[in-house]
Amino acid sequence: MAAALAVYHAALRDHSYLRPGETATVPVIAADRAQARVVFGYARALLERSPALRGLVERESSTSIELRNGAAIEITTSSGRATRGYTMPAVICDEVAAWR
């Protein structure tokens, strides 16, 4: 469900409010990167296997998927420093009970 929410908010929502050069980042935050990669892998599969969404992927790395509509899905850890300075239309917080 977390992956589906990340894909929905990054790929299917209107991001016309973005300024030039600004990215709508949907972070997948977990206690550690390994845990966040699980949700990230599901999100990647949803985008790759959907004929309607596959064409939105512009660039992909081990920690982010950038979309042609100005949005990105990124994995990060539950740190106040790691999440500052982004435009975030949604935040996916995986297993919050396990965070420090």
Protein backbone atom coordinates (compact mmCIF):
# COMPACT_ATOMS: atom_id res chain seq x y z
CA MET A 1 0.00 0.00 0.00
CA ALA A 2 2.86 2.38 0.81
CA ALA A 3 4.31 1.91 -2.69
CA ALA A 4 0.94 2.48 -4.34
CA LEU A 5 0.52 5.73 -2.39
CA ALA A 6 4.00 6.90 -3.37
CA VAL A 7 3.33 6.21 -7.06
CA TYR A 8 -0.10 7.86 -6.91
CA HIS A 9 1.20 11.08 -5.34
CA ALA A 10 4.26 11.29 -7.60
CA ALA A 11 2.83 10.13 -10.93
CA LEU A 12 -0.88 10.92 -10.92
CA ARG A 13 -1.32 14.15 -8.96
CA ASP A 14 -1.19 17.62 -10.49
CA HIS A 15 2.20 19.27 -9.87
CA SER A 16 1.51 22.43 -11.85
CA TYR A 17 2.26 24.51 -8.74
CA LEU A 18 5.99 23.75 -9.09
CA ARG A 19 8.36 26.56 -10.00
CA PRO A 20 11.02 26.05 -12.71
CA GLY A 21 13.69 23.73 -11.36
CA GLU A 22 11.58 22.64 -8.38
CA THR A 23 10.83 18.93 -7.83
CA ALA A 24 7.83 17.47 -6.01
CA THR A 25 9.59 14.82 -3.93
CA VAL A 26 7.62 11.95 -2.41
CA PRO A 27 10.02 10.50 0.15
CA VAL A 28 9.71 6.93 1.35
CA ILE A 29 11.04 7.22 4.89
CA ALA A 30 11.94 4.20 6.98
CA ALA A 31 14.12 3.35 9.98
CA ASP A 32 17.01 2.55 7.60
CA ARG A 33 17.73 2.53 3.88
CA ALA A 34 17.43 -1.25 3.55
CA GLN A 35 13.87 -1.12 4.87
CA ALA A 36 12.98 1.85 2.63
CA ARG A 37 14.33 -0.04 -0.42
CA VAL A 38 11.60 -2.67 0.01
CA VAL A 39 8.83 -0.10 -0.57
CA PHE A 40 10.97 1.57 -3.25
CA GLY A 41 11.24 -1.75 -5.12
CA TYR A 42 7.47 -2.16 -5.11
CA ALA A 43 7.04 1.41 -6.39
CA ARG A 44 9.57 0.78 -9.17
CA ALA A 45 7.69 -2.39 -10.18
CA LEU A 46 4.35 -0.54 -10.27
CA LEU A 47 5.83 2.07 -12.60
CA GLU A 48 7.65 -0.43 -14.83
CA ARG A 49 4.73 -2.84 -15.23
CA SER A 50 2.06 -0.28 -15.99
CA PRO A 51 1.89 0.66 -19.69
CA ALA A 52 0.23 3.95 -18.68
CA LEU A 53 2.96 4.90 -16.17
CA ARG A 54 6.10 3.39 -17.73
CA GLY A 55 6.62 6.39 -20.01
CA LEU A 56 6.72 8.79 -17.06
CA VAL A 57 10.08 7.52 -15.79
CA GLU A 58 12.83 9.90 -16.85
CA ARG A 59 15.78 8.78 -14.73
CA GLU A 60 16.35 6.11 -12.11
CA SER A 61 19.08 5.47 -9.53
CA SER A 62 19.39 3.18 -6.52
CA THR A 63 17.71 5.79 -4.29
CA SER A 64 15.37 7.76 -6.56
CA ILE A 65 13.02 7.62 -9.51
CA GLU A 66 12.60 10.92 -11.34
CA LEU A 67 9.47 11.38 -13.40
CA ARG A 68 8.83 13.56 -16.46
CA ASN A 69 6.09 15.48 -14.64
CA GLY A 70 8.53 17.13 -12.21
CA ALA A 71 8.07 14.63 -9.38
CA ALA A 72 10.40 12.08 -7.82
CA ILE A 73 10.16 9.16 -5.42
CA GLU A 74 13.18 8.95 -3.10
CA ILE A 75 14.19 6.74 -0.22
CA THR A 76 15.58 8.24 2.96
CA THR A 77 15.97 7.50 6.64
CA SER A 78 14.01 8.87 9.58
CA SER A 79 16.24 11.86 10.23
CA GLY A 80 15.21 15.48 10.61
CA ARG A 81 18.24 16.54 8.59
CA ALA A 82 17.55 14.17 5.70
CA THR A 83 14.08 15.57 5.00
CA ARG A 84 14.64 19.33 5.13
CA GLY A 85 14.39 21.63 2.12
CA TYR A 86 12.19 19.53 -0.16
CA THR A 87 8.79 20.25 -1.69
CA MET A 88 6.81 17.21 -0.51
CA PRO A 89 3.26 16.68 -1.76
CA ALA A 90 3.12 13.48 0.33
CA VAL A 91 5.40 11.65 2.74
CA ILE A 92 5.34 7.86 3.00
CA CYS A 93 6.41 6.83 6.52
CA ASP A 94 7.04 3.08 6.64
CA GLU A 95 6.71 1.27 9.98
CA VAL A 96 6.89 4.40 12.14
CA ALA A 97 6.70 2.30 15.31
CA ALA A 98 10.22 1.00 14.57
CA TRP A 99 11.79 4.48 14.28
CA ARG A 100 14.06 5.83 17.03
